[in-house]
N, C-alpha and C. Protein backbone atom coordinates (compact mmCIF):
# COMPACT_ATOMS: atom_id res chain seq x y z
N UNK A 1 -92.90 -280.92 94.78
CA UNK A 1 -92.53 -279.86 95.70
C UNK A 1 -91.13 -279.38 95.38
N UNK A 2 -90.98 -278.13 94.99
CA UNK A 2 -89.68 -277.57 94.66
C UNK A 2 -89.37 -276.40 95.56
N UNK A 3 -88.16 -276.31 96.04
CA UNK A 3 -87.75 -275.22 96.92
C UNK A 3 -86.50 -274.57 96.37
N UNK A 4 -86.68 -273.60 95.53
CA UNK A 4 -85.58 -272.81 94.99
C UNK A 4 -84.52 -273.69 94.33
N UNK A 5 -84.97 -274.85 93.76
CA UNK A 5 -84.06 -275.73 93.04
C UNK A 5 -82.83 -276.12 93.89
N UNK A 6 -83.07 -276.48 95.12
CA UNK A 6 -81.97 -276.85 96.00
C UNK A 6 -81.32 -278.13 95.53
N UNK A 7 -79.99 -278.18 95.65
CA UNK A 7 -79.25 -279.38 95.32
C UNK A 7 -78.36 -279.73 96.50
N UNK A 8 -77.75 -280.92 96.45
CA UNK A 8 -76.88 -281.35 97.54
C UNK A 8 -75.80 -280.32 97.80
N UNK A 9 -75.60 -279.99 99.08
CA UNK A 9 -74.54 -279.07 99.45
C UNK A 9 -74.93 -277.60 99.37
N UNK A 10 -76.15 -277.30 98.97
CA UNK A 10 -76.58 -275.91 98.89
C UNK A 10 -76.53 -275.25 100.27
N UNK A 11 -76.09 -273.99 100.30
CA UNK A 11 -76.16 -273.19 101.52
C UNK A 11 -76.95 -271.93 101.18
N UNK A 12 -78.28 -272.01 101.29
CA UNK A 12 -79.11 -270.87 100.89
C UNK A 12 -78.90 -269.68 101.81
N UNK A 13 -79.06 -268.46 101.30
CA UNK A 13 -78.92 -267.29 102.16
C UNK A 13 -80.05 -267.22 103.17
N UNK A 14 -79.74 -266.64 104.33
CA UNK A 14 -80.75 -266.44 105.36
C UNK A 14 -81.42 -265.10 105.11
N UNK A 15 -82.74 -265.12 104.89
CA UNK A 15 -83.46 -263.90 104.57
C UNK A 15 -83.55 -263.02 105.81
N UNK A 16 -83.66 -261.72 105.58
CA UNK A 16 -83.64 -260.75 106.66
C UNK A 16 -85.00 -260.10 106.87
N UNK A 17 -85.19 -259.53 108.05
CA UNK A 17 -86.43 -258.85 108.40
C UNK A 17 -86.80 -257.86 107.29
N UNK A 18 -88.05 -257.89 106.91
CA UNK A 18 -88.53 -257.10 105.78
C UNK A 18 -89.00 -257.99 104.65
N UNK A 19 -88.47 -259.20 104.58
CA UNK A 19 -88.94 -260.17 103.59
C UNK A 19 -90.30 -260.68 104.05
N UNK A 20 -91.31 -260.65 103.18
CA UNK A 20 -92.67 -261.05 103.60
C UNK A 20 -92.78 -262.49 104.06
N UNK A 21 -91.87 -263.36 103.65
CA UNK A 21 -91.96 -264.76 104.07
C UNK A 21 -91.82 -264.88 105.59
N UNK A 22 -91.14 -263.91 106.22
CA UNK A 22 -90.97 -263.93 107.66
C UNK A 22 -92.18 -263.40 108.42
N UNK A 23 -93.16 -262.88 107.69
CA UNK A 23 -94.34 -262.29 108.32
C UNK A 23 -95.63 -263.02 107.93
N UNK A 24 -95.49 -264.22 107.40
CA UNK A 24 -96.64 -265.02 107.01
C UNK A 24 -96.63 -266.35 107.76
N UNK A 25 -97.81 -266.91 107.97
CA UNK A 25 -97.86 -268.23 108.61
C UNK A 25 -97.43 -269.29 107.61
N UNK A 26 -96.45 -270.08 107.99
CA UNK A 26 -95.99 -271.17 107.13
C UNK A 26 -97.03 -272.29 107.12
N UNK A 27 -97.09 -273.01 106.02
CA UNK A 27 -98.08 -274.09 105.91
C UNK A 27 -97.51 -275.41 106.42
N UNK A 28 -98.43 -276.32 106.81
CA UNK A 28 -98.03 -277.63 107.25
C UNK A 28 -97.41 -278.43 106.09
N UNK A 29 -96.46 -279.27 106.43
CA UNK A 29 -95.89 -280.19 105.46
C UNK A 29 -96.85 -281.36 105.30
N UNK A 30 -97.17 -281.71 104.08
CA UNK A 30 -98.09 -282.81 103.80
C UNK A 30 -97.38 -284.15 103.93
N UNK A 31 -98.10 -285.20 104.35
CA UNK A 31 -97.46 -286.52 104.50
C UNK A 31 -96.73 -286.98 103.23
N UNK A 32 -97.32 -286.71 102.08
CA UNK A 32 -96.71 -287.16 100.83
C UNK A 32 -95.41 -286.44 100.52
N UNK A 33 -95.18 -285.29 101.14
CA UNK A 33 -93.97 -284.52 100.86
C UNK A 33 -92.76 -285.02 101.65
N UNK A 34 -93.00 -285.70 102.76
CA UNK A 34 -91.91 -286.03 103.68
C UNK A 34 -90.84 -286.91 103.05
N UNK A 35 -91.24 -287.84 102.20
CA UNK A 35 -90.27 -288.79 101.65
C UNK A 35 -89.63 -288.32 100.35
N UNK A 36 -89.98 -287.14 99.91
CA UNK A 36 -89.46 -286.68 98.63
C UNK A 36 -88.01 -286.21 98.76
N UNK A 37 -87.30 -286.27 97.68
CA UNK A 37 -85.91 -285.79 97.65
C UNK A 37 -85.87 -284.29 97.94
N UNK A 38 -86.82 -283.55 97.41
CA UNK A 38 -86.84 -282.11 97.64
C UNK A 38 -86.94 -281.78 99.12
N UNK A 39 -87.77 -282.52 99.85
CA UNK A 39 -87.91 -282.24 101.28
C UNK A 39 -86.63 -282.57 102.02
N UNK A 40 -86.01 -283.68 101.69
CA UNK A 40 -84.77 -284.05 102.37
C UNK A 40 -83.65 -283.06 102.05
N UNK A 41 -83.63 -282.52 100.83
CA UNK A 41 -82.66 -281.49 100.49
C UNK A 41 -82.93 -280.21 101.27
N UNK A 42 -84.20 -279.91 101.50
CA UNK A 42 -84.55 -278.74 102.31
C UNK A 42 -83.98 -278.88 103.71
N UNK A 43 -84.18 -280.03 104.34
CA UNK A 43 -83.67 -280.25 105.69
C UNK A 43 -82.15 -280.13 105.72
N UNK A 44 -81.49 -280.73 104.74
CA UNK A 44 -80.03 -280.65 104.68
C UNK A 44 -79.58 -279.20 104.54
N UNK A 45 -80.26 -278.45 103.68
CA UNK A 45 -79.90 -277.05 103.47
C UNK A 45 -80.11 -276.23 104.74
N UNK A 46 -81.18 -276.51 105.48
CA UNK A 46 -81.43 -275.79 106.73
C UNK A 46 -80.34 -276.06 107.77
N UNK A 47 -79.97 -277.33 107.91
CA UNK A 47 -78.93 -277.68 108.87
C UNK A 47 -77.61 -277.02 108.49
N UNK A 48 -77.29 -277.05 107.21
CA UNK A 48 -76.05 -276.42 106.73
C UNK A 48 -76.05 -274.93 107.02
N UNK A 49 -77.16 -274.26 106.71
CA UNK A 49 -77.24 -272.81 106.94
C UNK A 49 -77.13 -272.48 108.42
N UNK A 50 -77.79 -273.27 109.28
CA UNK A 50 -77.74 -273.03 110.73
C UNK A 50 -76.32 -273.18 111.24
N UNK A 51 -75.65 -274.25 110.84
CA UNK A 51 -74.31 -274.52 111.38
C UNK A 51 -73.28 -273.52 110.87
N UNK A 52 -73.43 -273.09 109.64
CA UNK A 52 -72.42 -272.19 109.07
C UNK A 52 -72.64 -270.75 109.50
N UNK A 53 -73.82 -270.42 110.03
CA UNK A 53 -74.09 -269.02 110.40
C UNK A 53 -73.11 -268.45 111.44
N UNK A 54 -72.80 -269.08 112.59
CA UNK A 54 -73.46 -270.25 113.15
C UNK A 54 -74.63 -269.82 114.03
N UNK A 55 -75.59 -270.74 114.20
CA UNK A 55 -76.72 -270.49 115.07
C UNK A 55 -77.12 -271.77 115.77
N UNK A 56 -78.12 -271.66 116.64
CA UNK A 56 -78.60 -272.83 117.38
C UNK A 56 -80.00 -273.25 116.95
N UNK A 57 -80.56 -272.56 115.97
CA UNK A 57 -81.88 -272.92 115.48
C UNK A 57 -82.16 -272.19 114.18
N UNK A 58 -83.03 -272.77 113.37
CA UNK A 58 -83.41 -272.15 112.10
C UNK A 58 -84.77 -272.69 111.69
N UNK A 59 -85.60 -271.82 111.16
CA UNK A 59 -86.91 -272.21 110.64
C UNK A 59 -86.89 -272.09 109.12
N UNK A 60 -87.66 -272.93 108.44
CA UNK A 60 -87.67 -272.93 106.98
C UNK A 60 -87.95 -271.55 106.38
N UNK A 61 -88.86 -270.75 106.94
CA UNK A 61 -89.07 -269.41 106.36
C UNK A 61 -87.80 -268.56 106.33
N UNK A 62 -86.84 -268.86 107.20
CA UNK A 62 -85.62 -268.07 107.23
C UNK A 62 -84.73 -268.30 106.02
N UNK A 63 -85.00 -269.37 105.26
CA UNK A 63 -84.31 -269.53 103.99
C UNK A 63 -85.31 -269.40 102.84
N UNK A 64 -86.43 -268.73 103.14
CA UNK A 64 -87.38 -268.39 102.10
C UNK A 64 -88.40 -269.46 101.77
N UNK A 65 -88.51 -270.50 102.61
CA UNK A 65 -89.42 -271.61 102.33
C UNK A 65 -90.54 -271.60 103.36
N UNK A 66 -91.78 -271.32 102.95
CA UNK A 66 -92.89 -271.17 103.90
C UNK A 66 -93.51 -272.49 104.35
N UNK A 67 -92.68 -273.35 104.96
CA UNK A 67 -93.15 -274.63 105.48
C UNK A 67 -92.86 -274.71 106.97
N UNK A 68 -93.65 -275.52 107.68
CA UNK A 68 -93.52 -275.63 109.14
C UNK A 68 -92.47 -276.69 109.48
N UNK A 69 -91.22 -276.26 109.35
CA UNK A 69 -90.08 -277.11 109.65
C UNK A 69 -89.06 -276.28 110.42
N UNK A 70 -88.53 -276.85 111.50
CA UNK A 70 -87.47 -276.18 112.24
C UNK A 70 -86.34 -277.17 112.51
N UNK A 71 -85.14 -276.65 112.63
CA UNK A 71 -83.99 -277.45 113.05
C UNK A 71 -83.33 -276.74 114.23
N UNK A 72 -82.81 -277.51 115.18
CA UNK A 72 -82.18 -276.95 116.37
C UNK A 72 -81.00 -277.83 116.77
N UNK A 73 -79.98 -277.19 117.33
CA UNK A 73 -78.82 -277.92 117.81
C UNK A 73 -77.97 -276.97 118.64
N UNK A 74 -77.53 -277.43 119.81
CA UNK A 74 -76.62 -276.62 120.60
C UNK A 74 -75.48 -277.53 121.03
N UNK A 75 -74.26 -277.11 120.70
CA UNK A 75 -73.08 -277.95 120.91
C UNK A 75 -72.13 -277.32 121.92
N UNK A 76 -71.26 -278.16 122.47
CA UNK A 76 -70.29 -277.69 123.44
C UNK A 76 -69.43 -276.57 122.86
N UNK A 77 -69.03 -276.68 121.61
CA UNK A 77 -68.12 -275.68 121.04
C UNK A 77 -68.78 -274.31 120.91
N UNK A 78 -70.12 -274.27 120.85
CA UNK A 78 -70.82 -272.99 120.78
C UNK A 78 -70.90 -272.31 122.14
N UNK A 79 -70.57 -273.06 123.19
CA UNK A 79 -70.68 -272.54 124.55
C UNK A 79 -69.33 -272.19 125.16
N UNK A 80 -68.25 -272.41 124.43
CA UNK A 80 -66.91 -272.29 124.99
C UNK A 80 -66.62 -270.89 125.53
N UNK A 81 -67.21 -269.86 124.92
CA UNK A 81 -66.93 -268.49 125.33
C UNK A 81 -67.91 -267.97 126.37
N UNK A 82 -68.82 -268.83 126.79
CA UNK A 82 -69.82 -268.41 127.79
C UNK A 82 -69.38 -268.91 129.16
N UNK A 83 -69.36 -268.02 130.13
CA UNK A 83 -68.93 -268.39 131.47
C UNK A 83 -69.86 -269.45 132.05
N UNK A 84 -69.31 -270.41 132.80
CA UNK A 84 -70.14 -271.49 133.37
C UNK A 84 -71.32 -270.98 134.18
N UNK A 85 -71.12 -269.87 134.93
CA UNK A 85 -72.24 -269.36 135.74
C UNK A 85 -73.38 -268.84 134.87
N UNK A 86 -73.04 -268.30 133.68
CA UNK A 86 -74.08 -267.82 132.77
C UNK A 86 -74.80 -268.99 132.10
N UNK A 87 -74.08 -270.06 131.82
CA UNK A 87 -74.72 -271.25 131.27
C UNK A 87 -75.73 -271.80 132.27
N UNK A 88 -75.33 -271.85 133.56
CA UNK A 88 -76.24 -272.35 134.58
C UNK A 88 -77.45 -271.45 134.73
N UNK A 89 -77.22 -270.14 134.74
CA UNK A 89 -78.32 -269.20 134.92
C UNK A 89 -79.35 -269.32 133.81
N UNK A 90 -78.89 -269.54 132.60
CA UNK A 90 -79.78 -269.63 131.44
C UNK A 90 -80.36 -271.02 131.25
N UNK A 91 -79.83 -272.00 131.98
CA UNK A 91 -80.27 -273.37 131.75
C UNK A 91 -79.84 -273.86 130.39
N UNK A 92 -78.65 -273.42 129.97
CA UNK A 92 -78.17 -273.78 128.63
C UNK A 92 -77.34 -275.05 128.71
N UNK A 93 -77.79 -276.06 128.00
CA UNK A 93 -77.12 -277.36 127.97
C UNK A 93 -77.06 -277.82 126.51
N UNK A 94 -76.03 -278.59 126.16
CA UNK A 94 -75.95 -279.07 124.78
C UNK A 94 -77.04 -280.09 124.48
N UNK A 95 -77.47 -280.12 123.24
CA UNK A 95 -78.40 -281.16 122.79
C UNK A 95 -78.13 -281.45 121.32
N UNK A 96 -78.39 -282.68 120.89
CA UNK A 96 -78.09 -283.06 119.51
C UNK A 96 -79.08 -282.46 118.52
N UNK A 97 -78.77 -282.58 117.26
CA UNK A 97 -79.62 -282.05 116.20
C UNK A 97 -81.05 -282.57 116.32
N UNK A 98 -81.99 -281.64 116.27
CA UNK A 98 -83.42 -281.96 116.26
C UNK A 98 -84.03 -281.38 114.99
N UNK A 99 -84.72 -282.21 114.25
CA UNK A 99 -85.49 -281.77 113.08
C UNK A 99 -86.95 -282.01 113.41
N UNK A 100 -87.74 -280.94 113.41
CA UNK A 100 -89.14 -281.07 113.83
C UNK A 100 -90.04 -280.51 112.73
N UNK A 101 -90.95 -281.35 112.27
CA UNK A 101 -91.88 -281.00 111.21
C UNK A 101 -93.27 -280.81 111.81
N UNK A 102 -93.93 -279.74 111.42
CA UNK A 102 -95.26 -279.42 111.93
C UNK A 102 -95.30 -279.41 113.46
N UNK A 103 -94.39 -278.66 114.09
CA UNK A 103 -94.33 -278.67 115.56
C UNK A 103 -95.56 -278.04 116.21
N UNK A 104 -95.96 -278.63 117.32
CA UNK A 104 -97.02 -278.08 118.16
C UNK A 104 -96.41 -277.88 119.55
N UNK A 105 -96.43 -276.65 120.02
CA UNK A 105 -95.75 -276.29 121.26
C UNK A 105 -96.78 -276.07 122.37
N UNK A 106 -96.51 -276.65 123.54
CA UNK A 106 -97.37 -276.50 124.71
C UNK A 106 -96.52 -276.06 125.88
N UNK A 107 -96.98 -275.05 126.59
CA UNK A 107 -96.29 -274.58 127.80
C UNK A 107 -96.55 -275.56 128.93
N UNK A 108 -95.51 -275.93 129.68
CA UNK A 108 -95.67 -276.96 130.72
C UNK A 108 -95.45 -276.44 132.13
N UNK A 109 -95.23 -275.15 132.29
CA UNK A 109 -95.05 -274.60 133.63
C UNK A 109 -95.41 -273.13 133.66
N UNK A 110 -95.40 -272.58 134.85
CA UNK A 110 -95.79 -271.17 134.99
C UNK A 110 -94.60 -270.22 135.03
N UNK A 111 -93.39 -270.77 135.22
CA UNK A 111 -92.21 -269.92 135.32
C UNK A 111 -91.87 -269.29 133.97
N UNK A 112 -91.34 -268.07 134.03
CA UNK A 112 -90.87 -267.36 132.85
C UNK A 112 -89.47 -266.83 133.13
N UNK A 113 -88.72 -266.58 132.06
CA UNK A 113 -87.36 -266.08 132.21
C UNK A 113 -87.09 -265.05 131.13
N UNK A 114 -86.28 -264.06 131.48
CA UNK A 114 -85.94 -262.98 130.55
C UNK A 114 -84.44 -262.95 130.32
N UNK A 115 -84.04 -263.05 129.05
CA UNK A 115 -82.64 -262.99 128.68
C UNK A 115 -82.51 -262.33 127.31
N UNK A 116 -81.29 -261.98 126.95
CA UNK A 116 -81.05 -261.43 125.62
C UNK A 116 -81.21 -262.51 124.56
N UNK A 117 -81.81 -262.11 123.45
CA UNK A 117 -81.95 -262.97 122.27
C UNK A 117 -81.51 -262.21 121.04
N UNK A 118 -80.98 -262.96 120.09
CA UNK A 118 -80.71 -262.42 118.77
C UNK A 118 -81.38 -263.31 117.74
N UNK A 119 -81.21 -262.99 116.47
CA UNK A 119 -81.84 -263.77 115.42
C UNK A 119 -81.02 -263.65 114.15
N UNK A 120 -80.83 -264.76 113.45
CA UNK A 120 -80.08 -264.74 112.20
C UNK A 120 -80.78 -263.92 111.13
N UNK A 121 -82.09 -263.66 111.31
CA UNK A 121 -82.84 -262.86 110.34
C UNK A 121 -83.01 -261.41 110.76
N UNK A 122 -82.43 -261.06 111.91
CA UNK A 122 -82.39 -259.66 112.35
C UNK A 122 -80.93 -259.39 112.69
N UNK A 123 -80.13 -259.37 111.66
CA UNK A 123 -78.68 -259.38 111.83
C UNK A 123 -78.18 -258.12 112.54
N UNK A 124 -77.31 -258.35 113.53
CA UNK A 124 -76.61 -257.24 114.15
C UNK A 124 -77.22 -256.68 115.42
N UNK A 125 -78.35 -257.25 115.88
CA UNK A 125 -79.03 -256.71 117.05
C UNK A 125 -79.44 -257.82 118.00
N UNK A 126 -79.70 -257.42 119.24
CA UNK A 126 -80.30 -258.32 120.22
C UNK A 126 -81.10 -257.50 121.22
N UNK A 127 -81.93 -258.19 121.98
CA UNK A 127 -82.77 -257.51 122.97
C UNK A 127 -83.24 -258.51 124.01
N UNK A 128 -83.67 -258.00 125.15
CA UNK A 128 -84.25 -258.86 126.18
C UNK A 128 -85.63 -259.33 125.76
N UNK A 129 -85.87 -260.63 125.95
CA UNK A 129 -87.16 -261.23 125.61
C UNK A 129 -87.58 -262.14 126.75
N UNK A 130 -88.82 -262.01 127.18
CA UNK A 130 -89.37 -262.90 128.20
C UNK A 130 -89.99 -264.11 127.53
N UNK A 131 -89.65 -265.30 128.00
CA UNK A 131 -90.17 -266.54 127.44
C UNK A 131 -90.62 -267.47 128.57
N UNK A 132 -91.45 -268.43 128.22
CA UNK A 132 -91.78 -269.51 129.14
C UNK A 132 -90.53 -270.34 129.41
N UNK A 133 -90.37 -270.80 130.64
CA UNK A 133 -89.17 -271.54 131.02
C UNK A 133 -89.21 -272.99 130.58
N UNK A 134 -90.40 -273.59 130.52
CA UNK A 134 -90.50 -275.01 130.17
C UNK A 134 -91.63 -275.24 129.18
N UNK A 135 -91.37 -276.08 128.19
CA UNK A 135 -92.35 -276.37 127.14
C UNK A 135 -92.23 -277.82 126.71
N UNK A 136 -93.23 -278.26 125.97
CA UNK A 136 -93.17 -279.57 125.31
C UNK A 136 -93.57 -279.37 123.86
N UNK A 137 -92.83 -280.00 122.96
CA UNK A 137 -93.14 -279.93 121.54
C UNK A 137 -93.42 -281.33 121.03
N UNK A 138 -94.43 -281.43 120.18
CA UNK A 138 -94.73 -282.68 119.48
C UNK A 138 -94.76 -282.37 117.99
N UNK A 139 -94.53 -283.40 117.21
CA UNK A 139 -94.54 -283.23 115.75
C UNK A 139 -94.00 -284.49 115.10
N UNK A 140 -93.36 -284.31 113.96
CA UNK A 140 -92.75 -285.41 113.23
C UNK A 140 -91.26 -285.13 113.05
N UNK A 141 -90.47 -286.19 112.94
CA UNK A 141 -89.07 -285.98 112.58
C UNK A 141 -88.96 -285.93 111.05
N UNK A 142 -87.74 -285.84 110.55
CA UNK A 142 -87.56 -285.68 109.11
C UNK A 142 -87.98 -286.91 108.30
N UNK A 143 -88.18 -288.04 108.99
CA UNK A 143 -88.62 -289.26 108.32
C UNK A 143 -90.13 -289.48 108.41
N UNK A 144 -90.80 -288.57 109.13
CA UNK A 144 -92.23 -288.69 109.28
C UNK A 144 -92.65 -289.47 110.51
N UNK A 145 -91.72 -289.82 111.37
CA UNK A 145 -92.04 -290.55 112.60
C UNK A 145 -92.45 -289.56 113.70
N UNK A 146 -93.44 -289.92 114.51
CA UNK A 146 -93.86 -289.03 115.60
C UNK A 146 -92.73 -288.80 116.59
N UNK A 147 -92.66 -287.59 117.11
CA UNK A 147 -91.66 -287.26 118.11
C UNK A 147 -92.25 -286.33 119.15
N UNK A 148 -91.65 -286.32 120.32
CA UNK A 148 -92.01 -285.35 121.35
C UNK A 148 -90.77 -285.03 122.15
N UNK A 149 -90.74 -283.83 122.69
CA UNK A 149 -89.57 -283.37 123.45
C UNK A 149 -90.06 -282.40 124.51
N UNK A 150 -89.83 -282.76 125.75
CA UNK A 150 -90.17 -281.90 126.88
C UNK A 150 -88.87 -281.33 127.43
N UNK A 151 -88.74 -280.02 127.48
CA UNK A 151 -87.48 -279.43 127.86
C UNK A 151 -87.70 -278.10 128.58
N UNK A 152 -86.60 -277.54 129.08
CA UNK A 152 -86.69 -276.28 129.81
C UNK A 152 -85.41 -275.48 129.60
N UNK A 153 -85.39 -274.27 130.13
CA UNK A 153 -84.21 -273.44 130.02
C UNK A 153 -83.96 -272.97 128.60
N UNK A 154 -82.69 -272.99 128.20
CA UNK A 154 -82.32 -272.44 126.89
C UNK A 154 -82.91 -273.24 125.73
N UNK A 155 -82.91 -274.58 125.76
CA UNK A 155 -83.56 -275.31 124.67
C UNK A 155 -85.03 -274.92 124.49
N UNK A 156 -85.72 -274.68 125.61
CA UNK A 156 -87.13 -274.26 125.53
C UNK A 156 -87.23 -272.88 124.88
N UNK A 157 -86.29 -272.00 125.16
CA UNK A 157 -86.27 -270.67 124.55
C UNK A 157 -86.06 -270.77 123.04
N UNK A 158 -85.12 -271.63 122.63
CA UNK A 158 -84.86 -271.80 121.20
C UNK A 158 -86.12 -272.32 120.50
N UNK A 159 -86.76 -273.29 121.10
CA UNK A 159 -87.99 -273.84 120.52
C UNK A 159 -89.04 -272.75 120.33
N UNK A 160 -89.26 -271.94 121.34
CA UNK A 160 -90.27 -270.88 121.23
C UNK A 160 -89.91 -269.88 120.14
N UNK A 161 -88.62 -269.54 120.06
CA UNK A 161 -88.15 -268.59 119.05
C UNK A 161 -88.41 -269.14 117.65
N UNK A 162 -88.08 -270.42 117.43
CA UNK A 162 -88.22 -270.99 116.08
C UNK A 162 -89.68 -271.22 115.70
N UNK A 163 -90.49 -271.66 116.65
CA UNK A 163 -91.91 -271.85 116.34
C UNK A 163 -92.57 -270.50 116.04
N UNK A 164 -92.14 -269.45 116.71
CA UNK A 164 -92.63 -268.11 116.38
C UNK A 164 -92.43 -267.81 114.90
N UNK A 165 -91.27 -268.18 114.36
CA UNK A 165 -90.99 -267.93 112.94
C UNK A 165 -92.05 -268.56 112.05
N UNK A 166 -92.55 -269.72 112.44
CA UNK A 166 -93.53 -270.42 111.61
C UNK A 166 -94.88 -269.70 111.60
N UNK A 167 -95.09 -268.83 112.58
CA UNK A 167 -96.33 -268.07 112.66
C UNK A 167 -96.15 -266.61 112.25
N UNK A 168 -95.00 -266.32 111.64
CA UNK A 168 -94.77 -264.96 111.14
C UNK A 168 -94.36 -263.96 112.20
N UNK A 169 -93.83 -264.46 113.32
CA UNK A 169 -93.42 -263.57 114.41
C UNK A 169 -91.90 -263.57 114.55
N UNK A 170 -91.34 -262.41 114.91
CA UNK A 170 -89.92 -262.26 115.20
C UNK A 170 -89.75 -261.88 116.66
N UNK A 171 -88.55 -262.09 117.18
CA UNK A 171 -88.34 -261.76 118.59
C UNK A 171 -88.58 -260.29 118.87
N UNK A 172 -88.42 -259.43 117.86
CA UNK A 172 -88.64 -258.00 118.08
C UNK A 172 -90.10 -257.70 118.41
N UNK A 173 -90.99 -258.62 118.07
CA UNK A 173 -92.40 -258.44 118.43
C UNK A 173 -92.63 -258.67 119.92
N UNK A 174 -91.72 -259.39 120.57
CA UNK A 174 -91.88 -259.76 121.97
C UNK A 174 -90.86 -259.07 122.88
N UNK A 175 -89.91 -258.38 122.32
CA UNK A 175 -88.80 -257.85 123.11
C UNK A 175 -89.24 -256.72 124.03
N UNK A 176 -88.43 -256.50 125.06
CA UNK A 176 -88.54 -255.29 125.87
C UNK A 176 -87.86 -254.19 125.04
N UNK A 177 -88.66 -253.32 124.47
CA UNK A 177 -88.17 -252.45 123.39
C UNK A 177 -86.99 -251.58 123.79
N UNK A 178 -86.94 -251.16 125.04
CA UNK A 178 -85.84 -250.27 125.44
C UNK A 178 -84.51 -251.02 125.58
N UNK A 179 -84.55 -252.34 125.50
CA UNK A 179 -83.32 -253.11 125.62
C UNK A 179 -82.67 -253.40 124.27
N UNK A 180 -83.30 -253.03 123.18
CA UNK A 180 -82.73 -253.30 121.86
C UNK A 180 -81.38 -252.63 121.73
N UNK A 181 -80.38 -253.40 121.32
CA UNK A 181 -79.05 -252.83 121.16
C UNK A 181 -78.28 -253.60 120.09
N UNK A 182 -77.26 -252.95 119.55
CA UNK A 182 -76.40 -253.63 118.58
C UNK A 182 -75.63 -254.73 119.29
N UNK A 183 -75.17 -255.70 118.52
CA UNK A 183 -74.40 -256.78 119.12
C UNK A 183 -73.14 -256.26 119.81
N UNK A 184 -72.54 -255.24 119.23
CA UNK A 184 -71.33 -254.67 119.86
C UNK A 184 -71.65 -254.05 121.21
N UNK A 185 -72.71 -253.24 121.27
CA UNK A 185 -73.08 -252.60 122.52
C UNK A 185 -73.58 -253.60 123.55
N UNK A 186 -74.16 -254.71 123.08
CA UNK A 186 -74.71 -255.71 124.00
C UNK A 186 -73.63 -256.33 124.88
N UNK A 187 -72.38 -256.27 124.44
CA UNK A 187 -71.31 -256.89 125.22
C UNK A 187 -71.19 -256.28 126.61
N UNK A 188 -71.60 -255.03 126.76
CA UNK A 188 -71.52 -254.39 128.08
C UNK A 188 -72.58 -254.92 129.03
N UNK A 189 -73.64 -255.56 128.49
CA UNK A 189 -74.76 -255.99 129.32
C UNK A 189 -74.79 -257.50 129.58
N UNK A 190 -74.17 -258.29 128.71
CA UNK A 190 -74.38 -259.74 128.75
C UNK A 190 -73.89 -260.39 130.04
N UNK A 191 -72.90 -259.81 130.69
CA UNK A 191 -72.37 -260.42 131.90
C UNK A 191 -73.02 -259.88 133.18
N UNK A 192 -73.98 -258.99 133.01
CA UNK A 192 -74.63 -258.39 134.18
C UNK A 192 -75.94 -259.11 134.49
N UNK A 193 -76.38 -259.10 135.74
CA UNK A 193 -77.71 -259.65 136.06
C UNK A 193 -78.79 -258.93 135.26
N UNK A 194 -79.75 -259.69 134.78
CA UNK A 194 -80.81 -259.10 133.96
C UNK A 194 -81.54 -258.00 134.71
N UNK A 195 -81.73 -258.18 136.02
CA UNK A 195 -82.41 -257.14 136.80
C UNK A 195 -81.68 -255.82 136.77
N UNK A 196 -80.35 -255.88 136.82
CA UNK A 196 -79.55 -254.66 136.76
C UNK A 196 -79.65 -254.01 135.38
N UNK A 197 -79.64 -254.84 134.34
CA UNK A 197 -79.76 -254.32 132.97
C UNK A 197 -81.10 -253.62 132.80
N UNK A 198 -82.15 -254.24 133.29
CA UNK A 198 -83.48 -253.65 133.13
C UNK A 198 -83.59 -252.33 133.90
N UNK A 199 -82.99 -252.29 135.06
CA UNK A 199 -83.03 -251.06 135.85
C UNK A 199 -82.28 -249.94 135.14
N UNK A 200 -81.11 -250.26 134.59
CA UNK A 200 -80.31 -249.25 133.92
C UNK A 200 -80.99 -248.73 132.65
N UNK A 201 -81.55 -249.67 131.88
CA UNK A 201 -82.19 -249.28 130.61
C UNK A 201 -83.64 -248.86 130.78
N UNK A 202 -84.11 -248.94 132.02
CA UNK A 202 -85.48 -248.55 132.35
C UNK A 202 -86.51 -249.31 131.52
N UNK A 203 -86.34 -250.63 131.53
CA UNK A 203 -87.32 -251.47 130.84
C UNK A 203 -88.37 -251.95 131.82
């Protein structure tokens, strides 16, 4: 299994919307692949690319590799510029690095929430997206051991966003289209209640 001849310390570019790898279903990772050096280099490269972007999640297709692997991490330092009331409203809490192979996502509640989302593969834009509030994911970790994670709020949103990537979907497929805006223009909306934003933009 070779992935663009990755070596230790590689920081592969994040592919952008329009690349066909982002519009195809990624394949499952085979058990025999998990222990290979190439697979471990892939995971390392994904984590490096996510952290240096910086972002809170990344799927293998975003670095051009059509495999069902995602990495996620949200740290205190990424939240420093977000007001505490907005963190509470979004249910955003820090969590350590998660590497999930062949994830299977199940919705665990009926509540939904709508907030702005962006994507490292749709550079420069964001939009309102409605997501399930609580989910559970099962799969394997980077060593091939079974894992499960039941979560809600912002971590659940990140999980849904990244698993979408594995099925060839982008947040723009789910967004409230009239809310699409550049990152610069979005600054006028991010501190307002979502209901007010939707009313103003007529979404």
